[in-house]
Protein backbone atom coordinates (compact mmCIF):
# COMPACT_ATOMS: atom_id res chain seq x y z
CA MET A 1 23.01 -4.76 3.26
CA SER A 2 23.61 -2.52 6.27
CA ALA A 3 22.99 -3.64 9.82
CA GLY A 4 20.17 -1.10 10.04
CA THR A 5 18.24 -2.50 7.10
CA ALA A 6 19.01 -6.20 7.63
CA PRO A 7 15.92 -7.03 9.74
CA PHE A 8 13.59 -5.46 7.16
CA VAL A 9 15.28 -7.18 4.24
CA GLU A 10 15.29 -10.60 5.88
CA ARG A 11 11.56 -10.34 6.68
CA LEU A 12 10.73 -9.66 3.05
CA LEU A 13 13.09 -12.28 1.62
CA ASP A 14 11.74 -14.87 4.04
CA ALA A 15 8.18 -14.09 2.90
CA VAL A 16 9.27 -14.78 -0.69
CA ARG A 17 11.08 -18.00 0.24
CA THR A 18 8.17 -19.39 2.24
CA ARG A 19 5.43 -17.85 0.08
CA THR A 20 3.77 -16.65 3.25
CA GLY A 21 2.58 -13.09 3.80
CA THR A 22 4.10 -11.20 6.68
CA ALA A 23 2.84 -8.31 8.80
CA PRO A 24 3.77 -4.79 7.67
CA LEU A 25 7.27 -3.82 8.76
CA THR A 26 5.89 -0.65 10.28
CA ASP A 27 3.78 -2.67 12.72
CA THR A 28 6.88 -3.38 14.78
CA MET A 29 9.69 -1.18 13.42
CA GLU A 30 10.33 2.45 12.56
CA LEU A 31 10.69 2.82 8.80
CA ASP A 32 11.11 6.18 7.07
CA GLU A 33 11.06 6.64 3.29
CA ASP A 34 14.83 6.86 2.88
CA THR A 35 15.32 3.63 4.78
CA ALA A 36 12.50 2.02 2.79
CA LEU A 37 14.35 2.82 -0.45
CA LEU A 38 17.55 1.30 0.97
CA VAL A 39 15.61 -1.84 1.86
CA GLN A 40 14.18 -1.93 -1.68
CA GLU A 41 17.67 -1.71 -3.15
CA ALA A 42 18.87 -4.55 -0.94
CA VAL A 43 15.89 -6.74 -1.89
CA VAL A 44 16.58 -6.12 -5.59
CA HIS A 45 20.30 -6.77 -5.16
CA ALA A 46 19.45 -10.12 -3.57
CA ARG A 47 17.76 -11.08 -6.86
CA VAL A 48 20.74 -9.81 -8.83
CA ASN A 49 23.09 -11.82 -6.62
CA ALA A 50 20.96 -14.86 -7.44
CA GLY A 51 21.76 -14.34 -11.12
CA HIS A 52 18.86 -12.18 -12.31
CA ALA A 53 19.55 -8.93 -14.18
CA ILE A 54 17.71 -5.64 -13.72
CA VAL A 55 15.68 -5.21 -16.93
CA GLY A 56 13.63 -2.14 -16.13
CA ALA A 57 11.42 -0.39 -13.64
CA LYS A 58 7.77 -0.03 -12.76
CA LEU A 59 5.57 2.65 -11.32
CA GLY A 60 2.86 2.01 -8.82
CA LEU A 61 -0.12 3.92 -7.50
CA THR A 62 -0.13 6.30 -10.46
CA SER A 63 -3.91 6.31 -10.87
CA VAL A 64 -6.58 7.59 -8.52
CA ALA A 65 -8.21 4.14 -8.65
CA LYS A 66 -5.08 2.43 -7.35
CA GLN A 67 -4.41 5.08 -4.71
CA ARG A 68 -7.94 4.66 -3.37
CA GLN A 69 -7.66 0.86 -3.46
CA MET A 70 -4.42 0.85 -1.48
CA ASN A 71 -5.20 3.89 0.73
CA VAL A 72 -2.15 5.95 -0.30
CA ASP A 73 -1.91 9.36 -1.93
CA ARG A 74 1.16 9.40 -4.21
CA PRO A 75 3.04 7.22 -6.70
CA LEU A 76 6.04 5.02 -6.01
CA TYR A 77 8.41 2.84 -8.01
CA GLY A 78 10.25 -0.46 -8.00
CA TRP A 79 12.61 -2.44 -10.20
CA LEU A 80 11.99 -5.30 -12.64
CA THR A 81 14.39 -8.23 -12.86
CA SER A 82 14.78 -10.82 -15.60
CA ASP A 83 13.10 -13.59 -13.60
CA MET A 84 9.91 -11.52 -13.48
CA ALA A 85 9.44 -11.59 -17.28
CA ILE A 86 6.61 -13.85 -18.46
CA ASP A 87 6.70 -14.61 -22.18
CA THR A 88 3.68 -13.99 -24.38
CA GLY A 89 1.48 -17.08 -24.23
CA ALA A 90 3.12 -18.47 -21.09
CA ALA A 91 1.01 -19.29 -18.05
CA LEU A 92 1.08 -17.60 -14.68
CA HIS A 93 1.88 -20.27 -12.09
CA CYS A 94 0.03 -19.05 -9.02
CA ASP A 95 1.86 -21.36 -6.62
CA SER A 96 5.01 -19.34 -7.30
CA TYR A 97 3.42 -16.35 -5.55
CA ILE A 98 1.80 -15.51 -2.24
CA GLN A 99 -1.33 -13.63 -3.38
CA PRO A 100 -1.04 -12.68 -7.06
CA ARG A 101 -3.00 -9.84 -8.60
CA VAL A 102 -2.87 -8.44 -12.13
CA GLU A 103 -3.53 -5.06 -13.70
CA PRO A 104 -3.32 -3.60 -17.23
CA GLU A 105 -0.56 -1.12 -18.01
CA ILE A 106 1.19 0.64 -20.87
CA ALA A 107 4.87 -0.28 -21.11
CA PHE A 108 7.75 1.65 -22.68
CA LEU A 109 10.84 0.08 -24.24
CA LEU A 110 13.57 2.70 -24.05
CA GLY A 111 15.84 3.23 -27.03
CA ARG A 112 18.27 5.42 -25.11
CA ASP A 113 19.20 6.35 -21.56
CA LEU A 114 16.98 8.66 -19.54
CA GLU A 115 18.30 10.53 -16.53
CA GLY A 116 18.24 13.92 -14.87
CA PRO A 117 16.06 16.13 -12.66
CA ASP A 118 14.21 17.93 -15.46
CA VAL A 119 13.09 15.14 -17.80
CA SER A 120 9.70 15.81 -19.41
CA ALA A 121 7.02 13.59 -20.96
CA ALA A 122 8.12 14.81 -24.40
CA GLN A 123 11.68 13.63 -23.70
CA VAL A 124 10.34 10.25 -22.57
CA LEU A 125 8.48 9.83 -25.86
CA ALA A 126 11.56 10.87 -27.83
CA ALA A 127 13.66 8.26 -25.99
CA THR A 128 11.11 5.46 -26.44
CA GLU A 129 11.70 2.80 -29.07
CA ALA A 130 8.26 1.19 -28.76
CA CYS A 131 5.17 1.02 -26.56
CA PHE A 132 3.26 -2.11 -25.61
CA GLY A 133 0.08 -3.09 -23.87
CA ALA A 134 1.07 -5.10 -20.81
CA ILE A 135 -0.13 -6.91 -17.73
CA ASP A 136 1.66 -6.29 -14.45
CA VAL A 137 1.68 -9.11 -11.90
CA LEU A 138 1.68 -7.92 -8.30
CA ASP A 139 2.45 -10.00 -5.24
CA SER A 140 2.62 -8.11 -1.97
CA ARG A 141 4.77 -9.77 0.64
CA TYR A 142 2.37 -8.39 3.26
CA ALA A 143 -0.62 -10.51 4.20
CA GLY A 144 -3.85 -9.20 2.71
CA TYR A 145 -2.09 -6.33 0.89
CA LYS A 146 -2.15 -4.33 4.13
CA PHE A 147 0.69 -1.82 4.23
CA THR A 148 1.76 1.79 4.49
CA PHE A 149 3.49 3.74 1.72
CA ASN A 150 6.92 3.03 3.22
CA ASP A 151 6.11 -0.67 3.63
CA VAL A 152 5.26 -1.12 -0.06
CA THR A 153 8.25 0.98 -1.11
CA ALA A 154 10.52 -1.39 0.82
CA ASP A 155 8.74 -4.32 -0.84
CA ASN A 156 9.87 -3.14 -4.29
CA ALA A 157 6.38 -1.82 -5.10
CA SER A 158 4.93 -5.36 -4.93
CA SER A 159 6.84 -6.23 -8.13
CA ALA A 160 6.43 -9.88 -9.13
CA GLY A 161 5.99 -10.32 -12.89
CA PHE A 162 5.07 -8.74 -16.20
CA VAL A 163 3.99 -9.79 -19.66
CA LEU A 164 4.14 -7.59 -22.77
CA GLY A 165 1.63 -7.77 -25.60
CA GLY A 166 2.66 -8.86 -29.05
CA THR A 167 1.86 -5.52 -30.71
CA ALA A 168 4.56 -2.85 -30.57
CA MET A 169 3.73 0.73 -31.52
CA ASP A 170 5.81 3.79 -32.29
CA PRO A 171 5.00 6.22 -29.43
CA TYR A 172 4.27 8.90 -32.02
CA GLY A 173 1.81 6.62 -33.81
CA VAL A 174 -0.72 6.46 -30.98
CA ASP A 175 -2.15 8.96 -28.49
CA LEU A 176 -1.36 7.14 -25.26
CA ARG A 177 -3.46 9.56 -23.24
CA LEU A 178 -6.56 8.46 -25.15
CA THR A 179 -5.61 4.79 -25.43
CA GLY A 180 -8.47 2.83 -23.94
CA CYS A 181 -8.27 -0.49 -22.14
CA VAL A 182 -10.88 -3.12 -21.36
CA LEU A 183 -9.99 -5.64 -18.66
CA GLU A 184 -11.80 -8.99 -18.58
CA LYS A 185 -11.51 -11.91 -16.18
CA ASN A 186 -12.96 -15.26 -17.23
CA GLY A 187 -14.92 -13.53 -19.99
CA GLU A 188 -16.53 -11.00 -17.65
CA LEU A 189 -15.90 -7.26 -17.85
CA VAL A 190 -13.91 -6.12 -14.80
CA ALA A 191 -12.93 -2.53 -15.59
CA THR A 192 -12.29 0.03 -18.31
CA ALA A 193 -9.83 2.90 -18.35
CA ALA A 194 -7.74 5.14 -20.59
CA GLY A 195 -4.09 6.14 -20.56
CA ALA A 196 -5.03 9.49 -19.05
CA SER A 197 -5.83 7.68 -15.80
CA VAL A 198 -2.07 7.30 -15.29
CA MET A 199 -0.96 10.73 -14.09
CA GLY A 200 -2.68 12.38 -17.07
CA HIS A 201 -0.43 10.61 -19.59
CA PRO A 202 1.67 7.44 -19.21
CA ALA A 203 4.77 9.30 -20.44
CA SER A 204 4.26 11.83 -17.63
CA ALA A 205 4.42 8.96 -15.16
CA VAL A 206 7.72 7.77 -16.65
CA ALA A 207 9.09 11.32 -16.52
CA TRP A 208 8.14 11.50 -12.83
CA LEU A 209 10.06 8.27 -12.28
CA VAL A 210 13.19 9.60 -13.99
CA ARG A 211 13.09 12.76 -11.87
CA ALA A 212 12.60 10.69 -8.69
CA LEU A 213 15.55 8.46 -9.59
CA ALA A 214 17.73 11.52 -10.26
CA LYS A 215 17.42 12.47 -6.59
CA ARG A 216 19.26 9.23 -5.80
CA GLY A 217 21.83 9.58 -8.57
CA GLN A 218 20.12 6.91 -10.66
CA GLY A 219 18.45 6.72 -14.07
CA LEU A 220 17.00 4.42 -16.71
CA GLU A 221 19.03 2.72 -19.42
CA ALA A 222 18.48 1.97 -23.10
CA GLY A 223 16.79 -1.40 -23.36
CA HIS A 224 14.92 -1.01 -20.07
CA ILE A 225 11.22 -1.83 -19.96
CA VAL A 226 9.24 0.70 -17.93
CA MET A 227 5.74 -0.16 -16.74
CA ALA A 228 3.88 3.14 -16.40
CA GLY A 229 1.43 2.08 -13.68
CA GLY A 230 -1.91 0.33 -13.36
CA MET A 231 -4.74 1.84 -15.37
CA THR A 232 -7.38 0.10 -13.22
CA GLU A 233 -7.60 -1.50 -9.82
CA ALA A 234 -5.67 -4.75 -9.49
CA VAL A 235 -7.60 -8.02 -9.80
CA ALA A 236 -6.87 -11.12 -7.71
CA VAL A 237 -6.24 -14.31 -9.70
CA ALA A 238 -6.16 -18.02 -8.92
CA PRO A 239 -5.54 -21.26 -10.85
CA GLY A 240 -8.07 -21.62 -13.65
CA ASP A 241 -8.54 -17.89 -14.23
CA THR A 242 -7.87 -16.19 -17.55
CA VAL A 243 -7.34 -12.45 -17.76
CA VAL A 244 -7.40 -10.44 -20.99
CA ALA A 245 -6.48 -6.77 -21.34
CA GLN A 246 -7.55 -5.25 -24.66
CA PHE A 247 -5.95 -1.94 -25.66
CA ASP A 248 -6.84 0.47 -28.48
CA ARG A 249 -4.11 0.23 -31.15
CA LEU A 250 -1.85 -1.77 -28.80
CA GLY A 251 -3.66 -5.06 -29.21
CA SER A 252 -4.49 -7.50 -26.44
CA VAL A 253 -2.58 -9.26 -23.69
CA GLU A 254 -3.83 -12.53 -22.25
CA ILE A 255 -2.58 -14.51 -19.32
CA ALA A 256 -3.86 -17.89 -18.15
CA CYS A 257 -3.40 -18.88 -14.52
CA ARG A 258 -2.36 -22.38 -13.55
């Protein structure tokens, strides 16, 4: 952690420790995108230093619905660590978070490394071992989910947890662009969407991520899980809630909140 990023990093880590939302960093400090990415890396490394491995990456704000909800105009990314994984059938313990929200996504399990400035959606599909329906758990460290693009970039794209469905599909066995999703909360319909809502095709979103990482000399590794981005707006959850995401061909993912 450099002296220049230390105040940002400490604010975010303290929010996690105390489970208390903080004001956006940009309310009181200058924060450009390059510095925001350095802060993100430091926040992730703090988890690694605590014994948690990087297991993949996630995209955020890849759909028009999410961009409108969060008042931003382009996608971003963050990193997933092993402590964020929630096993199928396990509960979401809300008291471990500040203000949890969930959203349905399509996830990719990579069978080989992906890197470089010219990676295409076709190359993403060729490198994918399996696709899953998934639920992404968000937890902004900023009170009320109020932030700028650089704030949420620094906050590791609000990464907090993820659960994969029990049905794995060969990426060539399903048209992910046309894969529909129905999101229900406590038995009530919340939203519907299709894979095309994520940058036209979920694999296109992953390709965008690989190209963005290449600018920083980074890439994705075989075995990484990549969450392609929320298909619908995120839904707030609290103890007692049950959320189910049902996907065409990819089965369903359910998470109960305690």
